[in-house]
Amino acid sequence: VELMLQRRDFLGPGFVRVDATPFESNLEPGRFVTMYVSAAAAAAYEAVTPDAETTGGPAFPVGGMVVRTSSDSAGNLQALTFMVKHEPGYFPEVGDFLFGVTDPDGTPASDDSGELWGKVAECATCHETRSAAGFLFGVAAGHR
């Protein structure tokens, strides 16, 4: 995953950009987000919206990935966050997703609790509230 982020593979043909233009982050004031999802998981991700509590779409597949870029108001990339669906049992509290945060070059970030890669509690706290939506938030219709 780290190499894929460093090479920016999420900008290539194996991924789908979900939003039409970068939109303001609700997690990071002053930052703008662009969302990408692996092609095999696109239908599942596109069936989810932040304002709906459930999803009527297909299940997010094992190996599927979501990449979220975070840029400043000038468009300079500040960070990447991602989710990768693992086999059942990896992290059942949040749908078996692995979470990560990296710097713009794809190097894992860390905070006082350690490296932000794997079973990241900060990510899990929000995503566990979205169990009926596949533990996903999606992109609002107005940003697609």
C-alpha atoms as a PDB file:
ATOM      1  CA  VAL A   1       0.000   0.000   0.000  1.00  0.00           C
ATOM      2  CA  GLU A   2       2.786   2.410   0.898  1.00  0.00           C
ATOM      3  CA  LEU A   3       4.466   1.922  -2.503  1.00  0.00           C
ATOM      4  CA  MET A   4       1.142   2.327  -4.319  1.00  0.00           C
ATOM      5  CA  LEU A   5       0.581   5.641  -2.512  1.00  0.00           C
ATOM      6  CA  GLN A   6       4.131   6.808  -3.219  1.00  0.00           C
ATOM      7  CA  ARG A   7       3.697   6.044  -6.931  1.00  0.00           C
ATOM      8  CA  ARG A   8       0.254   7.726  -6.919  1.00  0.00           C
ATOM      9  CA  ASP A   9      -1.361   4.644  -8.478  1.00  0.00           C
ATOM     10  CA  PHE A  10      -4.733   5.935  -7.281  1.00  0.00           C
ATOM     11  CA  LEU A  11      -4.516   8.521 -10.085  1.00  0.00           C
ATOM     12  CA  GLY A  12      -4.367   5.756 -12.712  1.00  0.00           C
ATOM     13  CA  PRO A  13      -6.781   3.453 -14.506  1.00  0.00           C
ATOM     14  CA  GLY A  14      -7.309   1.064 -11.570  1.00  0.00           C
ATOM     15  CA  PHE A  15      -9.122   3.771  -9.595  1.00  0.00           C
ATOM     16  CA  VAL A  16     -12.191   5.958 -10.034  1.00  0.00           C
ATOM     17  CA  ARG A  17     -12.369   9.562  -8.887  1.00  0.00           C
ATOM     18  CA  VAL A  18     -15.661   9.957  -7.044  1.00  0.00           C
ATOM     19  CA  ASP A  19     -16.000  13.745  -6.763  1.00  0.00           C
ATOM     20  CA  ALA A  20     -16.258  16.257  -9.600  1.00  0.00           C
ATOM     21  CA  THR A  21     -14.037  18.859  -7.916  1.00  0.00           C
ATOM     22  CA  PRO A  22     -12.215  19.007  -4.570  1.00  0.00           C
ATOM     23  CA  PHE A  23     -14.586  19.836  -1.721  1.00  0.00           C
ATOM     24  CA  GLU A  24     -14.040  21.327   1.713  1.00  0.00           C
ATOM     25  CA  SER A  25     -13.114  18.813   4.383  1.00  0.00           C
ATOM     26  CA  ASN A  26     -15.406  18.480   7.378  1.00  0.00           C
ATOM     27  CA  LEU A  27     -12.487  17.011   9.377  1.00  0.00           C
ATOM     28  CA  GLU A  28      -9.739  19.500   8.574  1.00  0.00           C
ATOM     29  CA  PRO A  29     -10.755  23.179   8.399  1.00  0.00           C
ATOM     30  CA  GLY A  30      -9.184  24.957   5.429  1.00  0.00           C
ATOM     31  CA  ARG A  31      -8.415  21.708   3.600  1.00  0.00           C
ATOM     32  CA  PHE A  32      -9.957  20.364   0.418  1.00  0.00           C
ATOM     33  CA  VAL A  33     -10.597  16.700  -0.301  1.00  0.00           C
ATOM     34  CA  THR A  34     -10.538  14.569  -3.436  1.00  0.00           C
ATOM     35  CA  MET A  35     -11.770  10.964  -3.209  1.00  0.00           C
ATOM     36  CA  TYR A  36     -10.603   7.938  -5.205  1.00  0.00           C
ATOM     37  CA  VAL A  37     -11.768   4.333  -4.933  1.00  0.00           C
ATOM     38  CA  SER A  38     -10.383   1.194  -6.529  1.00  0.00           C
ATOM     39  CA  ALA A  39     -12.365   0.275  -9.646  1.00  0.00           C
ATOM     40  CA  ALA A  40     -13.503  -3.073  -8.219  1.00  0.00           C
ATOM     41  CA  ALA A  41     -15.049  -1.272  -5.223  1.00  0.00           C
ATOM     42  CA  ALA A  42     -16.467   1.753  -7.062  1.00  0.00           C
ATOM     43  CA  ALA A  43     -20.084   0.543  -7.256  1.00  0.00           C
ATOM     44  CA  ALA A  44     -20.147  -0.201  -3.527  1.00  0.00           C
ATOM     45  CA  TYR A  45     -18.603   3.140  -2.583  1.00  0.00           C
ATOM     46  CA  GLU A  46     -20.756   5.196  -4.936  1.00  0.00           C
ATOM     47  CA  ALA A  47     -23.890   3.686  -3.338  1.00  0.00           C
ATOM     48  CA  VAL A  48     -23.033   5.390  -0.024  1.00  0.00           C
ATOM     49  CA  THR A  49     -23.663   9.017   0.878  1.00  0.00           C
ATOM     50  CA  PRO A  50     -22.870  10.849   4.125  1.00  0.00           C
ATOM     51  CA  ASP A  51     -26.504  11.831   4.668  1.00  0.00           C
ATOM     52  CA  ALA A  52     -27.919   8.286   4.352  1.00  0.00           C
ATOM     53  CA  GLU A  53     -27.690   5.890   7.278  1.00  0.00           C
ATOM     54  CA  THR A  54     -27.724   2.774   5.078  1.00  0.00           C
ATOM     55  CA  THR A  55     -26.566   1.619   1.679  1.00  0.00           C
ATOM     56  CA  GLY A  56     -28.548  -0.265  -0.937  1.00  0.00           C
ATOM     57  CA  GLY A  57     -25.463  -1.025  -2.982  1.00  0.00           C
ATOM     58  CA  PRO A  58     -23.230  -4.069  -3.157  1.00  0.00           C
ATOM     59  CA  ALA A  59     -20.864  -4.994  -0.330  1.00  0.00           C
ATOM     60  CA  PHE A  60     -17.448  -3.366  -0.407  1.00  0.00           C
ATOM     61  CA  PRO A  61     -15.102  -6.111  -1.640  1.00  0.00           C
ATOM     62  CA  VAL A  62     -12.063  -7.502   0.156  1.00  0.00           C
ATOM     63  CA  GLY A  63      -9.037  -5.716  -1.297  1.00  0.00           C
ATOM     64  CA  GLY A  64     -11.082  -2.629  -2.185  1.00  0.00           C
ATOM     65  CA  MET A  65      -9.451   0.668  -1.331  1.00  0.00           C
ATOM     66  CA  VAL A  66     -10.494   4.272  -0.731  1.00  0.00           C
ATOM     67  CA  VAL A  67      -7.894   7.062  -0.978  1.00  0.00           C
ATOM     68  CA  ARG A  68      -8.633  10.578   0.245  1.00  0.00           C
ATOM     69  CA  THR A  69      -6.274  13.400  -0.664  1.00  0.00           C
ATOM     70  CA  SER A  70      -6.162  16.485   1.535  1.00  0.00           C
ATOM     71  CA  SER A  71      -4.874  19.748   0.027  1.00  0.00           C
ATOM     72  CA  ASP A  72      -4.582  23.314   1.242  1.00  0.00           C
ATOM     73  CA  SER A  73      -6.524  26.172  -0.370  1.00  0.00           C
ATOM     74  CA  ALA A  74      -3.729  26.656  -2.943  1.00  0.00           C
ATOM     75  CA  GLY A  75      -4.070  23.017  -4.048  1.00  0.00           C
ATOM     76  CA  ASN A  76      -0.860  21.787  -2.398  1.00  0.00           C
ATOM     77  CA  LEU A  77      -1.173  18.180  -1.252  1.00  0.00           C
ATOM     78  CA  GLN A  78      -0.881  17.942   2.539  1.00  0.00           C
ATOM     79  CA  ALA A  79      -1.765  14.324   3.357  1.00  0.00           C
ATOM     80  CA  LEU A  80      -3.259  11.074   2.122  1.00  0.00           C
ATOM     81  CA  THR A  81      -5.650   8.916   4.097  1.00  0.00           C
ATOM     82  CA  PHE A  82      -6.827   5.506   3.014  1.00  0.00           C
ATOM     83  CA  MET A  83      -8.899   2.461   3.875  1.00  0.00           C
ATOM     84  CA  VAL A  84      -8.355  -1.086   2.618  1.00  0.00           C
ATOM     85  CA  LYS A  85     -10.910  -3.849   3.170  1.00  0.00           C
ATOM     86  CA  HIS A  86      -9.344  -6.987   4.697  1.00  0.00           C
ATOM     87  CA  GLU A  87     -10.614 -10.522   5.162  1.00  0.00           C
ATOM     88  CA  PRO A  88     -13.299 -11.038   7.851  1.00  0.00           C
ATOM     89  CA  GLY A  89     -11.841 -10.993  11.342  1.00  0.00           C
ATOM     90  CA  TYR A  90      -9.129  -8.363  10.755  1.00  0.00           C
ATOM     91  CA  PHE A  91     -10.950  -5.482  12.541  1.00  0.00           C
ATOM     92  CA  PRO A  92     -14.635  -6.476  12.779  1.00  0.00           C
ATOM     93  CA  GLU A  93     -15.629  -3.389  14.785  1.00  0.00           C
ATOM     94  CA  VAL A  94     -15.202  -1.340  11.600  1.00  0.00           C
ATOM     95  CA  GLY A  95     -15.973  -3.812   8.827  1.00  0.00           C
ATOM     96  CA  ASP A  96     -12.428  -5.222   8.686  1.00  0.00           C
ATOM     97  CA  PHE A  97     -10.888  -2.065   7.258  1.00  0.00           C
ATOM     98  CA  LEU A  98      -7.246  -1.142   7.659  1.00  0.00           C
ATOM     99  CA  PHE A  99      -6.801   2.622   7.999  1.00  0.00           C
ATOM    100  CA  GLY A 100      -3.809   4.814   7.325  1.00  0.00           C
ATOM    101  CA  VAL A 101      -2.583   8.379   7.153  1.00  0.00           C
ATOM    102  CA  THR A 102       0.539   9.384   5.242  1.00  0.00           C
ATOM    103  CA  ASP A 103       2.410  12.502   4.304  1.00  0.00           C
ATOM    104  CA  PRO A 104       2.136  13.664   0.673  1.00  0.00           C
ATOM    105  CA  ASP A 105       4.924  11.262  -0.339  1.00  0.00           C
ATOM    106  CA  GLY A 106       3.098   8.220   1.067  1.00  0.00           C
ATOM    107  CA  THR A 107       5.259   7.836   4.184  1.00  0.00           C
ATOM    108  CA  PRO A 108       3.158   6.736   7.180  1.00  0.00           C
ATOM    109  CA  ALA A 109       2.375   9.541   9.607  1.00  0.00           C
ATOM    110  CA  SER A 110       2.409   9.186  13.383  1.00  0.00           C
ATOM    111  CA  ASP A 111       1.101  10.963  16.436  1.00  0.00           C
ATOM    112  CA  ASP A 112       1.439  10.523  20.211  1.00  0.00           C
ATOM    113  CA  SER A 113      -0.281   7.125  19.998  1.00  0.00           C
ATOM    114  CA  GLY A 114       2.156   5.825  17.348  1.00  0.00           C
ATOM    115  CA  GLU A 115       2.071   5.202  13.627  1.00  0.00           C
ATOM    116  CA  LEU A 116      -1.263   5.989  11.951  1.00  0.00           C
ATOM    117  CA  TRP A 117      -1.465   2.726  10.032  1.00  0.00           C
ATOM    118  CA  GLY A 118      -3.553  -0.383  10.688  1.00  0.00           C
ATOM    119  CA  LYS A 119      -6.194  -0.468  13.386  1.00  0.00           C
ATOM    120  CA  VAL A 120      -6.212   3.304  13.914  1.00  0.00           C
ATOM    121  CA  ALA A 121      -8.500   4.140  16.849  1.00  0.00           C
ATOM    122  CA  GLU A 122      -9.110   7.721  15.692  1.00  0.00           C
ATOM    123  CA  CYS A 123     -10.457   6.471  12.349  1.00  0.00           C
ATOM    124  CA  ALA A 124     -12.425   3.636  13.939  1.00  0.00           C
ATOM    125  CA  THR A 125     -14.261   5.988  16.301  1.00  0.00           C
ATOM    126  CA  CYS A 126     -16.004   7.707  13.390  1.00  0.00           C
ATOM    127  CA  HIS A 127     -16.392   4.751  11.028  1.00  0.00           C
ATOM    128  CA  GLU A 128     -17.935   2.424  13.621  1.00  0.00           C
ATOM    129  CA  THR A 129     -20.995   4.722  13.651  1.00  0.00           C
ATOM    130  CA  ARG A 130     -21.599   3.837   9.968  1.00  0.00           C
ATOM    131  CA  SER A 131     -22.098   0.066  10.225  1.00  0.00           C
ATOM    132  CA  ALA A 132     -25.379   0.092   8.259  1.00  0.00           C
ATOM    133  CA  ALA A 133     -23.602   1.998   5.471  1.00  0.00           C
ATOM    134  CA  GLY A 134     -20.744  -0.508   5.220  1.00  0.00           C
ATOM    135  CA  PHE A 135     -18.643   1.614   7.631  1.00  0.00           C
ATOM    136  CA  LEU A 136     -18.269   4.181   4.830  1.00  0.00           C
ATOM    137  CA  PHE A 137     -19.264   7.837   4.457  1.00  0.00           C
ATOM    138  CA  GLY A 138     -19.167   8.240   0.676  1.00  0.00           C
ATOM    139  CA  VAL A 139     -19.341  11.556  -1.145  1.00  0.00           C
ATOM    140  CA  ALA A 140     -22.364  13.857  -0.989  1.00  0.00           C
ATOM    141  CA  ALA A 141     -24.422  14.067  -4.182  1.00  0.00           C
ATOM    142  CA  GLY A 142     -23.623  17.773  -4.538  1.00  0.00           C
ATOM    143  CA  HIS A 143     -19.900  16.977  -4.865  1.00  0.00           C
ATOM    144  CA  ARG A 144     -20.186  14.178  -7.457  1.00  0.00           C
END
